[in-house]
Amino acid sequence: MAENKTRRNVAKHTEELVITRIFDAPRELVWKAWKDPELMKRWWGPKNFTAPVIKIDFRIGGKYLYCMRSPEGQDFWSTGVYREIVEPERIVCTDSFADEKGTKVSPSHYGISGDWPTEFLVTVTFEEHEGKTKMTLRHAGIPPGQMSDMAEAGWNESFDKLAESLK
C-alpha cells in the first residue's frame, strides 16, 4: 500500500495540485512505470478505467498520447510534450485534452465547463526514501472547484493502481 499525501497550493486563481506517495518499490521501477507503455497501461486512469492506448516518445521534445476508457466505454484522450527528463529523478511535461489523433481539443470536448486552460504543466519527481520511492506529482494550472476535486481523485486512484502494479 502506498502512503498518500495531497496538498494544494493556490495562486492567481489557479491551483497546483500536489500529491506525494511512497511506493514500496525501487525508484528505477517506479520511474520505468512512467516511461514504459506496457507498464503504464496497467495503472493509467482512475479505478475501473482501462488504458487501451498508451504511446510514449520518451525524450525531450517527444510526445505522448494516452487513452483512458471509462467503465461505460467513453474514451478520454490526452497528449503532451516532454520538456525535461532527468533519469531517474524528474519528468516535466505538458498535458492537454486531445482527440484520438493527438490533436489538442478544448476541455469542453469532454463536457468540462468553466475556466479550464487548454494546457497544463505536470512535474513528477522520484526520490529514494528509506528503501522505497517517494514520488511527488505537481499538476499546475487546474482551476479550483469540482473538476479539480475529480482530477485529484483520479490521480489518487491511478496511483493506487500503480502501487498494485509494482508488487
N, C-alpha and C. Protein backbone atom coordinates (compact mmCIF):
# COMPACT_ATOMS: atom_id res chain seq x y z
N MET A 1 0.85 -1.19 0.00
CA MET A 1 0.00 0.00 0.00
C MET A 1 0.89 1.24 0.00
N ALA A 2 0.58 2.20 -0.80
CA ALA A 2 1.36 3.43 -0.88
C ALA A 2 0.81 4.44 0.12
N GLU A 3 1.73 5.09 0.80
CA GLU A 3 1.31 6.19 1.67
C GLU A 3 0.88 7.34 0.77
N ASN A 4 -0.06 8.15 1.23
CA ASN A 4 -0.69 9.14 0.37
C ASN A 4 -0.76 10.48 1.08
N LYS A 5 -0.32 11.51 0.42
CA LYS A 5 -0.45 12.86 0.97
C LYS A 5 -0.77 13.80 -0.19
N THR A 6 -1.80 14.62 -0.03
CA THR A 6 -2.19 15.57 -1.05
C THR A 6 -2.23 16.95 -0.43
N ARG A 7 -1.72 17.92 -1.17
CA ARG A 7 -1.86 19.31 -0.70
C ARG A 7 -2.11 20.18 -1.92
N ARG A 8 -2.63 21.34 -1.65
CA ARG A 8 -2.94 22.26 -2.75
C ARG A 8 -2.26 23.60 -2.49
N ASN A 9 -1.68 24.13 -3.53
CA ASN A 9 -1.13 25.48 -3.49
C ASN A 9 -2.00 26.33 -4.39
N VAL A 10 -2.54 27.40 -3.85
CA VAL A 10 -3.45 28.25 -4.61
C VAL A 10 -2.76 29.58 -4.88
N ALA A 11 -2.72 29.96 -6.15
CA ALA A 11 -2.13 31.24 -6.52
C ALA A 11 -2.75 31.71 -7.84
N LYS A 12 -3.02 32.98 -7.94
CA LYS A 12 -3.51 33.60 -9.17
C LYS A 12 -4.73 32.87 -9.74
N HIS A 13 -5.67 32.50 -8.89
CA HIS A 13 -6.94 31.91 -9.31
C HIS A 13 -6.81 30.52 -9.94
N THR A 14 -5.63 29.93 -9.87
CA THR A 14 -5.47 28.56 -10.33
C THR A 14 -4.80 27.77 -9.22
N GLU A 15 -4.95 26.48 -9.30
CA GLU A 15 -4.37 25.62 -8.29
C GLU A 15 -3.22 24.83 -8.86
N GLU A 16 -2.35 24.47 -7.95
CA GLU A 16 -1.35 23.46 -8.26
C GLU A 16 -1.68 22.29 -7.36
N LEU A 17 -2.10 21.22 -7.95
CA LEU A 17 -2.40 20.01 -7.21
C LEU A 17 -1.08 19.30 -6.95
N VAL A 18 -0.81 18.98 -5.69
CA VAL A 18 0.43 18.31 -5.32
C VAL A 18 0.06 17.03 -4.57
N ILE A 19 0.52 15.90 -5.09
CA ILE A 19 0.25 14.60 -4.47
C ILE A 19 1.59 13.92 -4.24
N THR A 20 1.83 13.48 -3.03
CA THR A 20 3.05 12.75 -2.69
C THR A 20 2.66 11.35 -2.25
N ARG A 21 3.34 10.37 -2.83
CA ARG A 21 3.08 8.97 -2.49
C ARG A 21 4.42 8.28 -2.20
N ILE A 22 4.38 7.34 -1.28
CA ILE A 22 5.53 6.50 -1.01
C ILE A 22 5.18 5.11 -1.53
N PHE A 23 6.00 4.60 -2.47
CA PHE A 23 5.77 3.28 -3.05
C PHE A 23 6.81 2.30 -2.53
N ASP A 24 6.37 1.12 -2.20
CA ASP A 24 7.25 0.07 -1.71
C ASP A 24 7.89 -0.63 -2.91
N ALA A 25 8.73 0.12 -3.61
CA ALA A 25 9.39 -0.38 -4.82
C ALA A 25 10.63 0.49 -5.06
N PRO A 26 11.63 -0.06 -5.74
CA PRO A 26 12.82 0.75 -6.06
C PRO A 26 12.48 1.90 -7.00
N ARG A 27 13.22 2.98 -6.87
CA ARG A 27 12.97 4.17 -7.69
C ARG A 27 13.03 3.84 -9.19
N GLU A 28 13.96 3.00 -9.60
CA GLU A 28 14.08 2.68 -11.02
C GLU A 28 12.81 2.03 -11.56
N LEU A 29 12.14 1.21 -10.74
CA LEU A 29 10.91 0.57 -11.18
C LEU A 29 9.75 1.57 -11.28
N VAL A 30 9.65 2.47 -10.31
CA VAL A 30 8.59 3.49 -10.36
C VAL A 30 8.83 4.40 -11.57
N TRP A 31 10.09 4.77 -11.80
CA TRP A 31 10.45 5.58 -12.97
C TRP A 31 10.03 4.86 -14.25
N LYS A 32 10.36 3.57 -14.35
CA LYS A 32 10.06 2.80 -15.55
C LYS A 32 8.56 2.74 -15.81
N ALA A 33 7.75 2.73 -14.74
CA ALA A 33 6.30 2.69 -14.90
C ALA A 33 5.76 3.93 -15.59
N TRP A 34 6.54 5.01 -15.62
CA TRP A 34 6.14 6.25 -16.30
C TRP A 34 6.63 6.32 -17.74
N LYS A 35 7.59 5.47 -18.11
CA LYS A 35 8.14 5.59 -19.46
C LYS A 35 7.88 4.37 -20.34
N ASP A 36 7.46 3.25 -19.75
CA ASP A 36 7.20 2.03 -20.50
C ASP A 36 5.69 1.93 -20.77
N PRO A 37 5.27 2.00 -22.04
CA PRO A 37 3.84 1.98 -22.35
C PRO A 37 3.10 0.76 -21.79
N GLU A 38 3.72 -0.40 -21.84
CA GLU A 38 3.04 -1.61 -21.34
C GLU A 38 2.85 -1.56 -19.84
N LEU A 39 3.81 -1.01 -19.11
CA LEU A 39 3.64 -0.86 -17.66
C LEU A 39 2.58 0.20 -17.35
N MET A 40 2.59 1.29 -18.11
CA MET A 40 1.63 2.36 -17.85
C MET A 40 0.20 1.90 -18.11
N LYS A 41 0.00 1.02 -19.08
CA LYS A 41 -1.35 0.51 -19.36
C LYS A 41 -1.96 -0.16 -18.14
N ARG A 42 -1.12 -0.68 -17.25
CA ARG A 42 -1.61 -1.38 -16.06
C ARG A 42 -2.21 -0.43 -15.02
N TRP A 43 -1.79 0.84 -15.04
CA TRP A 43 -2.19 1.73 -13.95
C TRP A 43 -2.81 3.06 -14.37
N TRP A 44 -2.70 3.43 -15.61
CA TRP A 44 -3.17 4.75 -16.02
C TRP A 44 -4.69 4.84 -15.96
N GLY A 45 -5.20 5.86 -15.28
CA GLY A 45 -6.63 6.11 -15.21
C GLY A 45 -7.20 5.72 -13.86
N PRO A 46 -8.33 6.34 -13.51
CA PRO A 46 -8.98 6.05 -12.22
C PRO A 46 -9.42 4.59 -12.11
N LYS A 47 -9.86 4.24 -10.91
CA LYS A 47 -10.39 2.91 -10.62
C LYS A 47 -11.46 2.55 -11.65
N ASN A 48 -11.42 1.33 -12.14
CA ASN A 48 -12.37 0.78 -13.11
C ASN A 48 -12.22 1.35 -14.51
N PHE A 49 -11.23 2.21 -14.74
CA PHE A 49 -10.91 2.67 -16.09
C PHE A 49 -9.79 1.78 -16.63
N THR A 50 -9.73 1.66 -17.94
CA THR A 50 -8.62 0.96 -18.58
C THR A 50 -7.83 1.97 -19.42
N ALA A 51 -6.68 1.53 -19.90
CA ALA A 51 -5.85 2.37 -20.76
C ALA A 51 -5.52 1.57 -22.02
N PRO A 52 -6.42 1.56 -22.99
CA PRO A 52 -6.21 0.73 -24.18
C PRO A 52 -5.11 1.24 -25.10
N VAL A 53 -4.80 2.54 -25.04
CA VAL A 53 -3.75 3.10 -25.90
C VAL A 53 -2.83 3.96 -25.06
N ILE A 54 -1.55 3.61 -25.07
CA ILE A 54 -0.51 4.42 -24.45
C ILE A 54 0.65 4.47 -25.44
N LYS A 55 0.93 5.64 -25.98
CA LYS A 55 2.05 5.83 -26.90
C LYS A 55 2.99 6.85 -26.26
N ILE A 56 4.26 6.49 -26.17
CA ILE A 56 5.23 7.35 -25.49
C ILE A 56 6.50 7.46 -26.33
N ASP A 57 6.87 8.69 -26.67
CA ASP A 57 8.17 9.00 -27.28
C ASP A 57 8.97 9.70 -26.19
N PHE A 58 9.64 8.90 -25.35
CA PHE A 58 10.22 9.38 -24.10
C PHE A 58 11.58 10.03 -24.34
N ARG A 59 11.53 11.29 -24.75
CA ARG A 59 12.73 12.12 -24.94
C ARG A 59 12.27 13.57 -24.88
N ILE A 60 13.20 14.46 -24.58
CA ILE A 60 12.85 15.88 -24.55
C ILE A 60 12.35 16.27 -25.95
N GLY A 61 11.18 16.88 -26.00
CA GLY A 61 10.55 17.22 -27.27
C GLY A 61 9.66 16.12 -27.81
N GLY A 62 9.76 14.92 -27.22
CA GLY A 62 8.90 13.81 -27.64
C GLY A 62 7.49 13.99 -27.12
N LYS A 63 6.56 13.32 -27.75
CA LYS A 63 5.15 13.45 -27.37
C LYS A 63 4.63 12.14 -26.79
N TYR A 64 3.54 12.28 -26.06
CA TYR A 64 2.81 11.10 -25.61
C TYR A 64 1.35 11.26 -26.02
N LEU A 65 0.67 10.12 -26.12
CA LEU A 65 -0.76 10.09 -26.37
C LEU A 65 -1.33 8.96 -25.52
N TYR A 66 -2.22 9.32 -24.60
CA TYR A 66 -2.83 8.35 -23.69
C TYR A 66 -4.34 8.32 -23.92
N CYS A 67 -4.91 7.14 -23.79
CA CYS A 67 -6.35 6.99 -23.81
C CYS A 67 -6.76 6.26 -22.54
N MET A 68 -7.68 6.84 -21.79
CA MET A 68 -8.29 6.11 -20.68
C MET A 68 -9.75 5.92 -21.02
N ARG A 69 -10.22 4.70 -20.76
CA ARG A 69 -11.59 4.33 -21.12
C ARG A 69 -12.40 4.11 -19.85
N SER A 70 -13.55 4.79 -19.79
CA SER A 70 -14.44 4.66 -18.63
C SER A 70 -15.12 3.29 -18.64
N PRO A 71 -15.67 2.90 -17.50
CA PRO A 71 -16.43 1.62 -17.47
C PRO A 71 -17.59 1.62 -18.47
N GLU A 72 -18.11 2.79 -18.83
CA GLU A 72 -19.21 2.89 -19.80
C GLU A 72 -18.72 2.87 -21.24
N GLY A 73 -17.40 2.86 -21.43
CA GLY A 73 -16.84 2.79 -22.78
C GLY A 73 -16.46 4.12 -23.40
N GLN A 74 -16.55 5.22 -22.64
CA GLN A 74 -16.16 6.52 -23.19
C GLN A 74 -14.64 6.66 -23.10
N ASP A 75 -14.04 7.09 -24.20
CA ASP A 75 -12.60 7.31 -24.24
C ASP A 75 -12.28 8.76 -23.95
N PHE A 76 -11.24 8.97 -23.15
CA PHE A 76 -10.72 10.29 -22.82
C PHE A 76 -9.25 10.28 -23.23
N TRP A 77 -8.90 11.13 -24.17
CA TRP A 77 -7.54 11.19 -24.70
C TRP A 77 -6.80 12.38 -24.13
N SER A 78 -5.50 12.20 -23.93
CA SER A 78 -4.65 13.31 -23.51
C SER A 78 -3.32 13.21 -24.23
N THR A 79 -2.68 14.36 -24.38
CA THR A 79 -1.39 14.42 -25.06
C THR A 79 -0.53 15.47 -24.39
N GLY A 80 0.74 15.40 -24.67
CA GLY A 80 1.66 16.39 -24.15
C GLY A 80 3.04 16.20 -24.74
N VAL A 81 3.91 17.11 -24.35
CA VAL A 81 5.29 17.11 -24.83
C VAL A 81 6.21 17.08 -23.61
N TYR A 82 7.22 16.22 -23.69
CA TYR A 82 8.21 16.15 -22.61
C TYR A 82 9.15 17.35 -22.70
N ARG A 83 9.19 18.13 -21.63
CA ARG A 83 10.05 19.31 -21.59
C ARG A 83 11.37 19.05 -20.89
N GLU A 84 11.34 18.15 -19.92
CA GLU A 84 12.54 17.85 -19.14
C GLU A 84 12.48 16.40 -18.68
N ILE A 85 13.59 15.68 -18.85
CA ILE A 85 13.71 14.32 -18.37
C ILE A 85 15.07 14.19 -17.71
N VAL A 86 15.08 13.93 -16.42
CA VAL A 86 16.33 13.73 -15.68
C VAL A 86 16.21 12.35 -15.02
N GLU A 87 16.76 11.34 -15.66
CA GLU A 87 16.62 9.96 -15.19
C GLU A 87 17.46 9.72 -13.95
N PRO A 88 16.94 9.07 -12.91
CA PRO A 88 15.56 8.69 -12.64
C PRO A 88 14.90 9.64 -11.64
N GLU A 89 15.12 10.94 -11.83
CA GLU A 89 14.72 11.93 -10.82
C GLU A 89 13.49 12.76 -11.15
N ARG A 90 13.31 13.15 -12.42
CA ARG A 90 12.25 14.13 -12.71
C ARG A 90 11.79 14.02 -14.16
N ILE A 91 10.47 14.16 -14.31
CA ILE A 91 9.84 14.26 -15.62
C ILE A 91 8.98 15.53 -15.59
N VAL A 92 9.14 16.38 -16.60
CA VAL A 92 8.31 17.58 -16.74
C VAL A 92 7.70 17.52 -18.14
N CYS A 93 6.37 17.63 -18.20
CA CYS A 93 5.70 17.59 -19.49
C CYS A 93 4.45 18.46 -19.47
N THR A 94 4.01 18.81 -20.66
CA THR A 94 2.73 19.50 -20.78
C THR A 94 1.64 18.43 -20.78
N ASP A 95 0.41 18.86 -20.56
CA ASP A 95 -0.73 17.94 -20.54
C ASP A 95 -1.94 18.68 -21.10
N SER A 96 -2.57 18.08 -22.11
CA SER A 96 -3.74 18.69 -22.75
C SER A 96 -4.74 17.61 -23.10
N PHE A 97 -6.02 17.98 -23.13
CA PHE A 97 -7.03 17.09 -23.68
C PHE A 97 -6.77 16.96 -25.17
N ALA A 98 -7.10 15.80 -25.73
CA ALA A 98 -6.81 15.55 -27.14
C ALA A 98 -7.89 14.67 -27.75
N ASP A 99 -7.80 14.51 -29.07
CA ASP A 99 -8.62 13.50 -29.74
C ASP A 99 -7.73 12.28 -29.99
N GLU A 100 -8.30 11.27 -30.65
CA GLU A 100 -7.56 10.02 -30.85
C GLU A 100 -6.35 10.16 -31.76
N LYS A 101 -6.25 11.28 -32.49
CA LYS A 101 -5.10 11.52 -33.36
C LYS A 101 -4.00 12.30 -32.64
N GLY A 102 -4.29 12.74 -31.39
CA GLY A 102 -3.30 13.51 -30.64
C GLY A 102 -3.41 15.00 -30.84
N THR A 103 -4.47 15.44 -31.51
CA THR A 103 -4.70 16.87 -31.71
C THR A 103 -5.34 17.43 -30.45
N LYS A 104 -4.79 18.53 -29.94
CA LYS A 104 -5.38 19.15 -28.75
C LYS A 104 -6.82 19.56 -29.01
N VAL A 105 -7.66 19.36 -27.99
CA VAL A 105 -9.06 19.79 -28.07
C VAL A 105 -9.37 20.59 -26.81
N SER A 106 -10.43 21.36 -26.89
CA SER A 106 -10.89 22.13 -25.74
C SER A 106 -11.41 21.19 -24.66
N PRO A 107 -11.24 21.55 -23.39
CA PRO A 107 -11.84 20.74 -22.33
C PRO A 107 -13.34 20.53 -22.52
N SER A 108 -14.02 21.48 -23.18
CA SER A 108 -15.46 21.34 -23.42
C SER A 108 -15.77 20.14 -24.32
N HIS A 109 -14.79 19.68 -25.09
CA HIS A 109 -14.94 18.48 -25.93
C HIS A 109 -15.36 17.28 -25.07
N TYR A 110 -14.92 17.26 -23.82
CA TYR A 110 -15.25 16.18 -22.89
C TYR A 110 -16.28 16.62 -21.84
N GLY A 111 -16.96 17.73 -22.11
CA GLY A 111 -18.03 18.17 -21.22
C GLY A 111 -17.55 18.93 -20.01
N ILE A 112 -16.31 19.39 -20.04
CA ILE A 112 -15.77 20.15 -18.91
C ILE A 112 -16.01 21.62 -19.17
N SER A 113 -16.77 22.23 -18.28
CA SER A 113 -17.11 23.64 -18.46
C SER A 113 -16.26 24.48 -17.51
N GLY A 114 -16.39 25.76 -17.67
CA GLY A 114 -15.67 26.67 -16.79
C GLY A 114 -14.36 27.13 -17.39
N ASP A 115 -13.56 27.68 -16.54
CA ASP A 115 -12.34 28.35 -16.94
C ASP A 115 -11.14 27.40 -16.91
N TRP A 116 -11.20 26.37 -17.74
CA TRP A 116 -10.10 25.40 -17.78
C TRP A 116 -9.15 25.76 -18.91
N PRO A 117 -7.87 25.82 -18.63
CA PRO A 117 -6.90 26.09 -19.70
C PRO A 117 -6.79 24.91 -20.66
N THR A 118 -6.22 25.15 -21.83
CA THR A 118 -6.06 24.07 -22.79
C THR A 118 -4.77 23.28 -22.55
N GLU A 119 -3.88 23.82 -21.70
CA GLU A 119 -2.62 23.12 -21.43
C GLU A 119 -2.23 23.29 -19.96
N PHE A 120 -1.74 22.21 -19.38
CA PHE A 120 -1.27 22.20 -18.00
C PHE A 120 0.20 21.81 -18.00
N LEU A 121 0.84 21.97 -16.86
CA LEU A 121 2.22 21.52 -16.70
C LEU A 121 2.24 20.49 -15.58
N VAL A 122 2.83 19.32 -15.88
CA VAL A 122 2.93 18.23 -14.92
C VAL A 122 4.40 17.97 -14.64
N THR A 123 4.75 17.95 -13.35
CA THR A 123 6.11 17.63 -12.92
C THR A 123 6.02 16.45 -11.96
N VAL A 124 6.78 15.42 -12.23
CA VAL A 124 6.82 14.24 -11.36
C VAL A 124 8.27 14.05 -10.92
N THR A 125 8.47 13.97 -9.60
CA THR A 125 9.82 13.73 -9.08
C THR A 125 9.84 12.39 -8.36
N PHE A 126 11.02 11.78 -8.36
CA PHE A 126 11.22 10.46 -7.79
C PHE A 126 12.44 10.53 -6.87
N GLU A 127 12.25 10.18 -5.59
CA GLU A 127 13.34 10.22 -4.63
C GLU A 127 13.43 8.88 -3.91
N GLU A 128 14.66 8.45 -3.63
CA GLU A 128 14.83 7.28 -2.78
C GLU A 128 14.46 7.68 -1.37
N HIS A 129 13.71 6.81 -0.67
CA HIS A 129 13.20 7.15 0.65
C HIS A 129 13.10 5.88 1.50
N GLU A 130 14.10 5.69 2.34
CA GLU A 130 14.11 4.56 3.27
C GLU A 130 13.86 3.23 2.56
N GLY A 131 14.56 3.01 1.46
CA GLY A 131 14.42 1.77 0.71
C GLY A 131 13.19 1.71 -0.17
N LYS A 132 12.43 2.78 -0.21
CA LYS A 132 11.23 2.86 -1.04
C LYS A 132 11.39 4.04 -1.99
N THR A 133 10.31 4.42 -2.65
CA THR A 133 10.35 5.57 -3.57
C THR A 133 9.31 6.58 -3.17
N LYS A 134 9.76 7.82 -2.98
CA LYS A 134 8.86 8.94 -2.74
C LYS A 134 8.64 9.63 -4.09
N MET A 135 7.41 9.61 -4.54
CA MET A 135 7.05 10.23 -5.81
C MET A 135 6.14 11.41 -5.53
N THR A 136 6.46 12.55 -6.12
CA THR A 136 5.63 13.75 -5.96
C THR A 136 5.18 14.22 -7.33
N LEU A 137 3.87 14.36 -7.48
CA LEU A 137 3.27 14.88 -8.70
C LEU A 137 2.82 16.31 -8.44
N ARG A 138 3.15 17.20 -9.34
CA ARG A 138 2.67 18.58 -9.31
C ARG A 138 1.94 18.82 -10.63
N HIS A 139 0.63 19.07 -10.53
CA HIS A 139 -0.19 19.32 -11.72
C HIS A 139 -0.63 20.78 -11.65
N ALA A 140 0.04 21.62 -12.41
CA ALA A 140 -0.15 23.07 -12.31
C ALA A 140 -1.18 23.57 -13.32
N GLY A 141 -2.01 24.51 -12.85
CA GLY A 141 -2.93 25.21 -13.73
C GLY A 141 -4.38 24.80 -13.60
N ILE A 142 -4.67 23.89 -12.68
CA ILE A 142 -6.06 23.43 -12.53
C ILE A 142 -6.87 24.45 -11.73
N PRO A 143 -7.93 24.98 -12.30
CA PRO A 143 -8.78 25.90 -11.53
C PRO A 143 -9.46 25.17 -10.38
N PRO A 144 -9.70 25.86 -9.28
CA PRO A 144 -10.37 25.23 -8.14
C PRO A 144 -11.81 24.88 -8.48
N GLY A 145 -12.35 23.90 -7.76
CA GLY A 145 -13.75 23.53 -7.95
C GLY A 145 -13.93 22.03 -8.09
N GLN A 146 -15.12 21.63 -8.53
CA GLN A 146 -15.48 20.23 -8.61
C GLN A 146 -14.56 19.45 -9.55
N MET A 147 -14.20 20.01 -10.70
CA MET A 147 -13.35 19.29 -11.64
C MET A 147 -11.95 19.10 -11.06
N SER A 148 -11.48 20.06 -10.29
CA SER A 148 -10.19 19.91 -9.62
C SER A 148 -10.24 18.76 -8.62
N ASP A 149 -11.35 18.68 -7.89
CA ASP A 149 -11.53 17.58 -6.94
C ASP A 149 -11.55 16.24 -7.67
N MET A 150 -12.19 16.21 -8.83
CA MET A 150 -12.24 14.97 -9.62
C MET A 150 -10.86 14.61 -10.15
N ALA A 151 -10.08 15.61 -10.57
CA ALA A 151 -8.72 15.35 -11.04
C ALA A 151 -7.88 14.76 -9.91
N GLU A 152 -8.01 15.33 -8.71
CA GLU A 152 -7.28 14.82 -7.56
C GLU A 152 -7.66 13.36 -7.27
N ALA A 153 -8.95 13.07 -7.28
CA ALA A 153 -9.41 11.70 -7.03
C ALA A 153 -8.89 10.76 -8.12
N GLY A 154 -8.92 11.22 -9.38
CA GLY A 154 -8.44 10.39 -10.48
C GLY A 154 -6.97 10.06 -10.36
N TRP A 155 -6.16 11.07 -10.03
CA TRP A 155 -4.73 10.82 -9.84
C TRP A 155 -4.52 9.83 -8.70
N ASN A 156 -5.20 10.03 -7.58
CA ASN A 156 -5.00 9.14 -6.44
C ASN A 156 -5.44 7.71 -6.75
N GLU A 157 -6.54 7.54 -7.48
CA GLU A 157 -6.95 6.19 -7.86
C GLU A 157 -5.95 5.57 -8.83
N SER A 158 -5.40 6.37 -9.74
CA SER A 158 -4.35 5.86 -10.63
C SER A 158 -3.14 5.41 -9.83
N PHE A 159 -2.76 6.20 -8.83
CA PHE A 159 -1.59 5.84 -8.03
C PHE A 159 -1.85 4.62 -7.15
N ASP A 160 -3.11 4.40 -6.75
CA ASP A 160 -3.45 3.15 -6.07
C ASP A 160 -3.19 1.96 -7.00
N LYS A 161 -3.60 2.12 -8.27
CA LYS A 161 -3.36 1.07 -9.26
C LYS A 161 -1.86 0.90 -9.53
N LEU A 162 -1.13 2.01 -9.54
CA LEU A 162 0.33 1.94 -9.72
C LEU A 162 0.95 1.13 -8.59
N ALA A 163 0.55 1.40 -7.35
CA ALA A 163 1.09 0.66 -6.20
C ALA A 163 0.84 -0.84 -6.38
N GLU A 164 -0.35 -1.21 -6.82
CA GLU A 164 -0.68 -2.63 -7.04
C GLU A 164 0.19 -3.22 -8.15
N SER A 165 0.40 -2.45 -9.21
CA SER A 165 1.15 -2.96 -10.36
C SER A 165 2.64 -3.14 -10.05
N LEU A 166 3.14 -2.48 -9.01
CA LEU A 166 4.55 -2.56 -8.65
C LEU A 166 4.87 -3.77 -7.78
N LYS A 167 3.83 -4.47 -7.33
CA LYS A 167 4.05 -5.64 -6.46
C LYS A 167 4.66 -6.79 -7.21
